[in-house]
Amino acid sequence: MPRHLTILPFVLAAACARSEDRPAASAPPADPPPKTAPAPTESWVEVDPAQPLARTLADEAAAATRAGKKPHAYLHADWCPPCVEIGKTRDQPKMKAAFAGTHIIAIDVDRVDPKQVEAAGLKSSVLPIFYRLDDHGRPTGATIDGGAWGDNIPDNMAPPLAAFFAK
């Protein structure tokens, strides 16, 4: 037997022994998970008046339900003082807390066809008004309007809104 073949097992054994003595190569550090903004506790969507209202309500209510939020329709107008105040103050802490867990489907009564609003069961003679919706976008009969809080300031608006949305 040639001499180089007889020493081959010793060379291989030595190479294996040396590789066991070496620390294992460490894996490259994993990239940290991307930083994401916390999901908002409430969401608002303005209805597109060019789209059928009943379909929008159904689609948005279904999306709200999938997201674990409670769907509500909100009738409003630019000329309505309480509506304007809700728009200006809804990012304040008390108002954000009041709207927590909601998905608001905002309907500008001056832009959406009143026949569609009435057909959806949302006709009202007062503004603003919120309607609790079922998972299919139909009103449940529960409402709250601007008469529930007096002066249009967060200290007055937030408590009754929070109580309504919590149910």
N, C-alpha and C. Protein backbone atom coordinates (compact mmCIF):
# COMPACT_ATOMS: atom_id res chain seq x y z
N MET A 1 0.85 -1.16 0.00
CA MET A 1 0.00 0.00 0.00
C MET A 1 0.90 1.23 0.00
N PRO A 2 0.59 2.19 -0.85
CA PRO A 2 1.42 3.39 -0.88
C PRO A 2 1.33 4.13 0.44
N ARG A 3 2.45 4.74 0.77
CA ARG A 3 2.58 5.41 2.07
C ARG A 3 1.59 6.56 2.21
N HIS A 4 1.32 7.33 1.19
CA HIS A 4 0.43 8.49 1.31
C HIS A 4 -1.00 8.06 1.63
N LEU A 5 -1.41 6.86 1.26
CA LEU A 5 -2.76 6.40 1.60
C LEU A 5 -2.85 5.95 3.05
N THR A 6 -1.75 5.53 3.64
CA THR A 6 -1.81 5.09 5.03
C THR A 6 -1.87 6.26 5.99
N ILE A 7 -1.37 7.39 5.61
CA ILE A 7 -1.44 8.54 6.53
C ILE A 7 -2.70 9.37 6.31
N LEU A 8 -3.42 9.11 5.25
CA LEU A 8 -4.62 9.88 4.95
C LEU A 8 -5.65 9.85 6.09
N PRO A 9 -5.95 8.69 6.70
CA PRO A 9 -6.91 8.71 7.80
C PRO A 9 -6.45 9.58 8.96
N PHE A 10 -5.13 9.65 9.22
CA PHE A 10 -4.63 10.47 10.32
C PHE A 10 -4.77 11.96 10.00
N VAL A 11 -4.56 12.33 8.77
CA VAL A 11 -4.69 13.73 8.34
C VAL A 11 -6.15 14.15 8.45
N LEU A 12 -7.05 13.30 7.99
CA LEU A 12 -8.48 13.63 8.08
C LEU A 12 -8.94 13.71 9.52
N ALA A 13 -8.49 12.82 10.36
CA ALA A 13 -8.88 12.85 11.77
C ALA A 13 -8.37 14.12 12.43
N ALA A 14 -7.16 14.53 12.11
CA ALA A 14 -6.60 15.74 12.68
C ALA A 14 -7.38 16.96 12.22
N ALA A 15 -7.78 16.99 10.96
CA ALA A 15 -8.54 18.12 10.44
C ALA A 15 -9.89 18.20 11.13
N CYS A 16 -10.52 17.05 11.33
CA CYS A 16 -11.83 17.04 12.00
C CYS A 16 -11.68 17.48 13.45
N ALA A 17 -10.65 17.02 14.12
CA ALA A 17 -10.44 17.40 15.52
C ALA A 17 -10.23 18.90 15.62
N ARG A 18 -9.47 19.47 14.69
CA ARG A 18 -9.22 20.92 14.74
C ARG A 18 -10.51 21.70 14.49
N SER A 19 -11.38 21.20 13.61
CA SER A 19 -12.61 21.95 13.35
C SER A 19 -13.54 21.91 14.56
N GLU A 20 -13.46 20.83 15.37
CA GLU A 20 -14.29 20.77 16.57
C GLU A 20 -13.78 21.72 17.63
N ASP A 21 -12.47 21.98 17.63
CA ASP A 21 -11.89 22.89 18.61
C ASP A 21 -12.25 24.34 18.31
N ARG A 22 -12.53 24.64 17.04
CA ARG A 22 -12.84 26.02 16.65
C ARG A 22 -14.28 26.36 17.02
N PRO A 23 -14.50 27.58 17.46
CA PRO A 23 -15.90 27.96 17.72
C PRO A 23 -16.65 28.02 16.40
N ALA A 24 -17.91 27.67 16.48
CA ALA A 24 -18.74 27.70 15.28
C ALA A 24 -18.87 29.14 14.81
N ALA A 25 -18.90 29.31 13.52
CA ALA A 25 -19.08 30.66 12.97
C ALA A 25 -20.47 31.14 13.39
N SER A 26 -20.50 32.33 13.89
CA SER A 26 -21.79 32.85 14.33
C SER A 26 -22.56 33.38 13.13
N ALA A 27 -23.87 33.24 13.21
CA ALA A 27 -24.73 33.74 12.14
C ALA A 27 -24.70 35.25 12.18
N PRO A 28 -24.83 35.87 11.04
CA PRO A 28 -24.86 37.33 11.06
C PRO A 28 -26.05 37.79 11.90
N PRO A 29 -25.90 38.91 12.58
CA PRO A 29 -27.01 39.38 13.42
C PRO A 29 -28.25 39.63 12.56
N ALA A 30 -29.38 39.24 13.12
CA ALA A 30 -30.64 39.45 12.40
C ALA A 30 -30.97 40.93 12.40
N ASP A 31 -31.58 41.36 11.33
CA ASP A 31 -32.02 42.75 11.27
C ASP A 31 -33.13 42.94 12.29
N PRO A 32 -33.13 44.08 12.99
CA PRO A 32 -34.22 44.31 13.94
C PRO A 32 -35.53 44.43 13.17
N PRO A 33 -36.64 44.07 13.83
CA PRO A 33 -37.92 44.18 13.13
C PRO A 33 -38.17 45.64 12.78
N PRO A 34 -38.84 45.89 11.67
CA PRO A 34 -39.10 47.28 11.30
C PRO A 34 -40.00 47.94 12.33
N LYS A 35 -39.71 49.20 12.56
CA LYS A 35 -40.55 49.95 13.51
C LYS A 35 -41.80 50.39 12.77
N THR A 36 -42.93 50.13 13.39
CA THR A 36 -44.19 50.52 12.79
C THR A 36 -44.93 51.39 13.79
N ALA A 37 -45.71 52.28 13.25
CA ALA A 37 -46.52 53.13 14.11
C ALA A 37 -47.63 52.28 14.70
N PRO A 38 -48.03 52.58 15.93
CA PRO A 38 -49.13 51.80 16.51
C PRO A 38 -50.40 52.00 15.69
N ALA A 39 -51.19 50.97 15.59
CA ALA A 39 -52.44 51.06 14.85
C ALA A 39 -53.36 52.05 15.57
N PRO A 40 -54.03 52.90 14.81
CA PRO A 40 -54.94 53.83 15.47
C PRO A 40 -56.06 53.06 16.16
N THR A 41 -56.53 53.60 17.26
CA THR A 41 -57.59 52.92 18.00
C THR A 41 -58.95 53.21 17.38
N GLU A 42 -59.01 54.18 16.50
CA GLU A 42 -60.25 54.47 15.79
C GLU A 42 -59.88 54.77 14.35
N SER A 43 -60.86 54.70 13.48
CA SER A 43 -60.61 55.04 12.08
C SER A 43 -61.82 55.79 11.54
N TRP A 44 -61.55 56.67 10.59
CA TRP A 44 -62.58 57.48 9.95
C TRP A 44 -62.43 57.34 8.45
N VAL A 45 -63.55 57.26 7.77
CA VAL A 45 -63.54 57.26 6.32
C VAL A 45 -64.71 58.14 5.85
N GLU A 46 -64.42 59.02 4.90
CA GLU A 46 -65.47 59.88 4.33
C GLU A 46 -66.06 59.15 3.12
N VAL A 47 -67.36 59.08 3.06
CA VAL A 47 -68.06 58.40 1.98
C VAL A 47 -67.85 59.16 0.68
N ASP A 48 -67.59 58.43 -0.39
CA ASP A 48 -67.49 58.99 -1.73
C ASP A 48 -68.91 59.11 -2.27
N PRO A 49 -69.40 60.33 -2.52
CA PRO A 49 -70.78 60.49 -2.98
C PRO A 49 -71.05 59.87 -4.34
N ALA A 50 -70.01 59.55 -5.10
CA ALA A 50 -70.20 58.93 -6.42
C ALA A 50 -70.44 57.43 -6.30
N GLN A 51 -70.24 56.85 -5.13
CA GLN A 51 -70.43 55.42 -4.91
C GLN A 51 -71.78 55.16 -4.25
N PRO A 52 -72.39 54.02 -4.52
CA PRO A 52 -73.66 53.69 -3.86
C PRO A 52 -73.47 53.62 -2.33
N LEU A 53 -74.27 54.37 -1.61
CA LEU A 53 -74.11 54.46 -0.16
C LEU A 53 -74.31 53.12 0.53
N ALA A 54 -75.34 52.38 0.16
CA ALA A 54 -75.60 51.09 0.83
C ALA A 54 -74.40 50.15 0.68
N ARG A 55 -73.80 50.11 -0.50
CA ARG A 55 -72.64 49.23 -0.74
C ARG A 55 -71.45 49.70 0.10
N THR A 56 -71.24 51.02 0.17
CA THR A 56 -70.13 51.57 0.97
C THR A 56 -70.33 51.23 2.44
N LEU A 57 -71.54 51.39 2.94
CA LEU A 57 -71.81 51.07 4.34
C LEU A 57 -71.54 49.59 4.62
N ALA A 58 -71.98 48.72 3.73
CA ALA A 58 -71.77 47.28 3.91
C ALA A 58 -70.28 46.95 3.88
N ASP A 59 -69.57 47.49 2.91
CA ASP A 59 -68.13 47.21 2.79
C ASP A 59 -67.35 47.73 3.98
N GLU A 60 -67.65 48.95 4.40
CA GLU A 60 -66.92 49.56 5.52
C GLU A 60 -67.26 48.87 6.84
N ALA A 61 -68.51 48.47 7.02
CA ALA A 61 -68.88 47.76 8.26
C ALA A 61 -68.17 46.42 8.32
N ALA A 62 -68.09 45.73 7.20
CA ALA A 62 -67.38 44.44 7.16
C ALA A 62 -65.90 44.64 7.47
N ALA A 63 -65.30 45.69 6.90
CA ALA A 63 -63.88 45.98 7.17
C ALA A 63 -63.68 46.31 8.64
N ALA A 64 -64.59 47.06 9.21
CA ALA A 64 -64.50 47.42 10.63
C ALA A 64 -64.55 46.16 11.49
N THR A 65 -65.48 45.28 11.19
CA THR A 65 -65.63 44.06 11.96
C THR A 65 -64.37 43.20 11.88
N ARG A 66 -63.81 43.08 10.68
CA ARG A 66 -62.57 42.30 10.52
C ARG A 66 -61.42 42.92 11.33
N ALA A 67 -61.43 44.24 11.46
CA ALA A 67 -60.38 44.94 12.20
C ALA A 67 -60.66 45.00 13.70
N GLY A 68 -61.78 44.43 14.14
CA GLY A 68 -62.13 44.45 15.56
C GLY A 68 -62.66 45.79 16.03
N LYS A 69 -63.19 46.57 15.11
CA LYS A 69 -63.74 47.89 15.45
C LYS A 69 -65.26 47.86 15.29
N LYS A 70 -65.92 48.80 15.95
CA LYS A 70 -67.37 48.90 15.89
C LYS A 70 -67.75 49.92 14.81
N PRO A 71 -68.56 49.50 13.81
CA PRO A 71 -68.93 50.44 12.74
C PRO A 71 -70.05 51.39 13.15
N HIS A 72 -69.87 52.65 12.77
CA HIS A 72 -70.88 53.69 13.01
C HIS A 72 -70.95 54.61 11.80
N ALA A 73 -72.16 55.00 11.42
CA ALA A 73 -72.35 56.01 10.39
C ALA A 73 -72.45 57.35 11.11
N TYR A 74 -71.93 58.40 10.47
CA TYR A 74 -71.92 59.74 11.05
C TYR A 74 -72.41 60.72 10.00
N LEU A 75 -73.58 61.31 10.22
CA LEU A 75 -74.08 62.35 9.32
C LEU A 75 -73.57 63.70 9.81
N HIS A 76 -73.01 64.45 8.88
CA HIS A 76 -72.44 65.75 9.23
C HIS A 76 -72.55 66.72 8.06
N ALA A 77 -72.23 67.99 8.33
CA ALA A 77 -72.22 69.03 7.29
C ALA A 77 -71.22 70.11 7.70
N ASP A 78 -70.69 70.81 6.71
CA ASP A 78 -69.72 71.87 6.97
C ASP A 78 -70.32 73.05 7.73
N TRP A 79 -71.63 73.28 7.60
CA TRP A 79 -72.29 74.41 8.24
C TRP A 79 -72.78 74.10 9.65
N CYS A 80 -72.59 72.88 10.12
CA CYS A 80 -73.08 72.42 11.42
C CYS A 80 -72.02 72.68 12.50
N PRO A 81 -72.27 73.62 13.45
CA PRO A 81 -71.25 73.93 14.47
C PRO A 81 -70.75 72.72 15.27
N PRO A 82 -71.62 71.83 15.77
CA PRO A 82 -71.07 70.69 16.50
C PRO A 82 -70.23 69.77 15.59
N CYS A 83 -70.64 69.64 14.32
CA CYS A 83 -69.86 68.82 13.37
C CYS A 83 -68.46 69.41 13.19
N VAL A 84 -68.40 70.73 13.06
CA VAL A 84 -67.11 71.41 12.89
C VAL A 84 -66.24 71.18 14.12
N GLU A 85 -66.83 71.27 15.30
CA GLU A 85 -66.06 71.06 16.54
C GLU A 85 -65.58 69.62 16.66
N ILE A 86 -66.41 68.67 16.27
CA ILE A 86 -65.97 67.27 16.30
C ILE A 86 -64.76 67.12 15.39
N GLY A 87 -64.84 67.69 14.19
CA GLY A 87 -63.72 67.62 13.25
C GLY A 87 -62.46 68.26 13.79
N LYS A 88 -62.61 69.39 14.48
CA LYS A 88 -61.44 70.11 15.00
C LYS A 88 -60.85 69.46 16.24
N THR A 89 -61.66 68.75 17.02
CA THR A 89 -61.19 68.27 18.32
C THR A 89 -61.05 66.75 18.41
N ARG A 90 -61.35 66.04 17.37
CA ARG A 90 -61.35 64.57 17.51
C ARG A 90 -59.97 63.98 17.74
N ASP A 91 -58.90 64.78 17.52
CA ASP A 91 -57.55 64.31 17.81
C ASP A 91 -57.09 64.65 19.23
N GLN A 92 -57.92 65.34 19.99
CA GLN A 92 -57.57 65.64 21.38
C GLN A 92 -57.75 64.38 22.23
N PRO A 93 -56.96 64.25 23.29
CA PRO A 93 -56.97 63.00 24.08
C PRO A 93 -58.36 62.54 24.53
N LYS A 94 -59.19 63.42 25.04
CA LYS A 94 -60.52 63.00 25.52
C LYS A 94 -61.38 62.49 24.37
N MET A 95 -61.29 63.16 23.24
CA MET A 95 -62.09 62.74 22.09
C MET A 95 -61.54 61.45 21.50
N LYS A 96 -60.22 61.31 21.42
CA LYS A 96 -59.63 60.07 20.93
C LYS A 96 -60.08 58.90 21.80
N ALA A 97 -60.10 59.13 23.10
CA ALA A 97 -60.55 58.07 24.02
C ALA A 97 -62.03 57.75 23.79
N ALA A 98 -62.84 58.77 23.52
CA ALA A 98 -64.26 58.55 23.29
C ALA A 98 -64.49 57.70 22.04
N PHE A 99 -63.69 57.94 21.00
CA PHE A 99 -63.86 57.23 19.73
C PHE A 99 -63.06 55.93 19.66
N ALA A 100 -62.40 55.55 20.74
CA ALA A 100 -61.57 54.34 20.74
C ALA A 100 -62.39 53.12 20.31
N GLY A 101 -61.82 52.33 19.41
CA GLY A 101 -62.46 51.10 18.97
C GLY A 101 -63.55 51.28 17.92
N THR A 102 -63.68 52.49 17.40
CA THR A 102 -64.74 52.73 16.41
C THR A 102 -64.18 52.82 15.00
N HIS A 103 -65.06 52.61 14.05
CA HIS A 103 -64.79 52.86 12.63
C HIS A 103 -65.94 53.76 12.19
N ILE A 104 -65.62 55.03 11.97
CA ILE A 104 -66.64 56.02 11.64
C ILE A 104 -66.74 56.16 10.13
N ILE A 105 -67.94 55.99 9.61
CA ILE A 105 -68.22 56.15 8.19
C ILE A 105 -68.95 57.49 8.07
N ALA A 106 -68.20 58.52 7.69
CA ALA A 106 -68.73 59.89 7.68
C ALA A 106 -69.46 60.17 6.37
N ILE A 107 -70.64 60.75 6.51
CA ILE A 107 -71.50 61.05 5.36
C ILE A 107 -71.85 62.53 5.39
N ASP A 108 -71.33 63.27 4.44
CA ASP A 108 -71.65 64.70 4.32
C ASP A 108 -73.02 64.80 3.67
N VAL A 109 -74.01 65.29 4.42
CA VAL A 109 -75.39 65.31 3.93
C VAL A 109 -75.58 66.26 2.76
N ASP A 110 -74.65 67.16 2.54
CA ASP A 110 -74.75 68.08 1.41
C ASP A 110 -74.11 67.50 0.14
N ARG A 111 -73.44 66.38 0.25
CA ARG A 111 -72.77 65.79 -0.91
C ARG A 111 -73.37 64.46 -1.33
N VAL A 112 -73.96 63.74 -0.41
CA VAL A 112 -74.53 62.42 -0.72
C VAL A 112 -76.01 62.58 -1.03
N ASP A 113 -76.49 61.84 -2.02
CA ASP A 113 -77.89 61.88 -2.43
C ASP A 113 -78.79 61.57 -1.24
N PRO A 114 -79.68 62.50 -0.89
CA PRO A 114 -80.57 62.28 0.27
C PRO A 114 -81.44 61.03 0.13
N LYS A 115 -81.78 60.64 -1.10
CA LYS A 115 -82.57 59.43 -1.29
C LYS A 115 -81.77 58.20 -0.87
N GLN A 116 -80.46 58.21 -1.11
CA GLN A 116 -79.63 57.08 -0.67
C GLN A 116 -79.51 57.05 0.85
N VAL A 117 -79.39 58.23 1.44
CA VAL A 117 -79.30 58.32 2.90
C VAL A 117 -80.57 57.76 3.53
N GLU A 118 -81.72 58.19 3.01
CA GLU A 118 -83.00 57.71 3.53
C GLU A 118 -83.16 56.21 3.29
N ALA A 119 -82.80 55.74 2.10
CA ALA A 119 -82.93 54.31 1.79
C ALA A 119 -82.04 53.46 2.70
N ALA A 120 -80.93 54.02 3.16
CA ALA A 120 -80.03 53.30 4.07
C ALA A 120 -80.54 53.33 5.51
N GLY A 121 -81.65 54.05 5.76
CA GLY A 121 -82.21 54.13 7.11
C GLY A 121 -81.51 55.14 7.99
N LEU A 122 -80.87 56.15 7.36
CA LEU A 122 -80.07 57.12 8.11
C LEU A 122 -80.64 58.53 8.08
N LYS A 123 -81.86 58.71 7.64
CA LYS A 123 -82.43 60.05 7.55
C LYS A 123 -82.62 60.63 8.95
N SER A 124 -82.26 61.90 9.08
CA SER A 124 -82.41 62.57 10.37
C SER A 124 -82.64 64.06 10.15
N SER A 125 -83.31 64.67 11.07
CA SER A 125 -83.52 66.12 10.99
C SER A 125 -82.54 66.87 11.89
N VAL A 126 -81.66 66.15 12.56
CA VAL A 126 -80.65 66.79 13.42
C VAL A 126 -79.25 66.37 12.99
N LEU A 127 -78.32 67.27 13.21
CA LEU A 127 -76.89 67.00 12.96
C LEU A 127 -76.11 67.52 14.14
N PRO A 128 -75.01 66.94 14.45
CA PRO A 128 -74.51 65.67 13.95
C PRO A 128 -75.30 64.52 14.57
N ILE A 129 -75.23 63.39 13.92
CA ILE A 129 -75.84 62.18 14.47
C ILE A 129 -74.98 60.98 14.09
N PHE A 130 -74.80 60.11 15.05
CA PHE A 130 -74.07 58.86 14.86
C PHE A 130 -75.08 57.72 14.96
N TYR A 131 -74.95 56.76 14.06
CA TYR A 131 -75.78 55.56 14.06
C TYR A 131 -74.89 54.35 14.29
N ARG A 132 -75.26 53.52 15.25
CA ARG A 132 -74.56 52.24 15.40
C ARG A 132 -75.01 51.35 14.25
N LEU A 133 -74.05 50.69 13.59
CA LEU A 133 -74.36 49.81 12.47
C LEU A 133 -74.08 48.36 12.85
N ASP A 134 -74.79 47.45 12.20
CA ASP A 134 -74.48 46.04 12.38
C ASP A 134 -73.31 45.68 11.46
N ASP A 135 -72.94 44.41 11.46
CA ASP A 135 -71.80 43.96 10.66
C ASP A 135 -72.03 44.07 9.15
N HIS A 136 -73.29 44.31 8.76
CA HIS A 136 -73.63 44.42 7.34
C HIS A 136 -73.88 45.86 6.92
N GLY A 137 -73.64 46.81 7.83
CA GLY A 137 -73.79 48.23 7.50
C GLY A 137 -75.20 48.76 7.64
N ARG A 138 -76.05 48.04 8.34
CA ARG A 138 -77.43 48.50 8.55
C ARG A 138 -77.55 49.10 9.95
N PRO A 139 -78.32 50.20 10.08
CA PRO A 139 -78.51 50.80 11.40
C PRO A 139 -79.21 49.85 12.36
N THR A 140 -78.74 49.86 13.60
CA THR A 140 -79.32 49.00 14.64
C THR A 140 -80.47 49.67 15.38
N GLY A 141 -80.61 50.99 15.17
CA GLY A 141 -81.61 51.76 15.91
C GLY A 141 -81.00 52.62 17.00
N ALA A 142 -79.76 52.35 17.37
CA ALA A 142 -79.09 53.14 18.41
C ALA A 142 -78.43 54.36 17.76
N THR A 143 -78.70 55.53 18.33
CA THR A 143 -78.13 56.78 17.81
C THR A 143 -77.73 57.69 18.96
N ILE A 144 -76.88 58.65 18.62
CA ILE A 144 -76.57 59.76 19.52
C ILE A 144 -76.40 60.99 18.64
N ASP A 145 -76.92 62.12 19.10
CA ASP A 145 -76.79 63.35 18.32
C ASP A 145 -76.27 64.48 19.19
N GLY A 146 -76.07 65.63 18.57
CA GLY A 146 -75.48 66.79 19.25
C GLY A 146 -76.27 67.28 20.45
N GLY A 147 -77.53 66.90 20.59
CA GLY A 147 -78.31 67.29 21.76
C GLY A 147 -77.89 66.56 23.03
N ALA A 148 -77.00 65.59 22.93
CA ALA A 148 -76.59 64.80 24.08
C ALA A 148 -75.53 65.46 24.93
N TRP A 149 -74.95 66.57 24.48
CA TRP A 149 -73.81 67.09 25.24
C TRP A 149 -73.78 68.59 25.50
N GLY A 150 -74.70 69.38 25.06
CA GLY A 150 -74.66 70.81 25.36
C GLY A 150 -73.59 71.52 24.55
N ASP A 151 -72.77 72.33 25.24
CA ASP A 151 -71.72 73.07 24.54
C ASP A 151 -70.78 72.12 23.80
N ASN A 152 -70.34 72.58 22.64
CA ASN A 152 -69.51 71.74 21.77
C ASN A 152 -68.04 71.84 22.12
N ILE A 153 -67.71 71.33 23.29
CA ILE A 153 -66.31 71.28 23.73
C ILE A 153 -66.01 69.84 24.15
N PRO A 154 -64.76 69.41 24.02
CA PRO A 154 -64.44 68.02 24.35
C PRO A 154 -64.90 67.59 25.74
N ASP A 155 -64.80 68.46 26.73
CA ASP A 155 -65.24 68.08 28.08
C ASP A 155 -66.71 67.69 28.11
N ASN A 156 -67.53 68.29 27.26
CA ASN A 156 -68.96 67.96 27.20
C ASN A 156 -69.25 66.83 26.20
N MET A 157 -68.55 66.85 25.07
CA MET A 157 -68.84 65.87 24.01
C MET A 157 -68.31 64.48 24.34
N ALA A 158 -67.11 64.40 24.87
CA ALA A 158 -66.45 63.10 25.04
C ALA A 158 -67.22 62.12 25.94
N PRO A 159 -67.71 62.51 27.12
CA PRO A 159 -68.36 61.50 27.98
C PRO A 159 -69.58 60.82 27.35
N PRO A 160 -70.55 61.57 26.78
CA PRO A 160 -71.68 60.85 26.19
C PRO A 160 -71.29 60.05 24.94
N LEU A 161 -70.34 60.57 24.17
CA LEU A 161 -69.88 59.81 23.00
C LEU A 161 -69.20 58.52 23.45
N ALA A 162 -68.35 58.61 24.45
CA ALA A 162 -67.66 57.41 24.96
C ALA A 162 -68.67 56.38 25.45
N ALA A 163 -69.69 56.82 26.17
CA ALA A 163 -70.70 55.89 26.68
C ALA A 163 -71.46 55.23 25.51
N PHE A 164 -71.78 56.01 24.50
CA PHE A 164 -72.50 55.47 23.34
C PHE A 164 -71.63 54.45 22.58
N PHE A 165 -70.40 54.81 22.30
CA PHE A 165 -69.52 53.94 21.51
C PHE A 165 -69.09 52.69 22.28
N ALA A 166 -69.12 52.74 23.60
CA ALA A 166 -68.69 51.60 24.41
C ALA A 166 -69.67 50.44 24.36
N LYS A 167 -70.92 50.72 24.00
CA LYS A 167 -71.96 49.67 23.99
C LYS A 167 -71.81 48.76 22.80
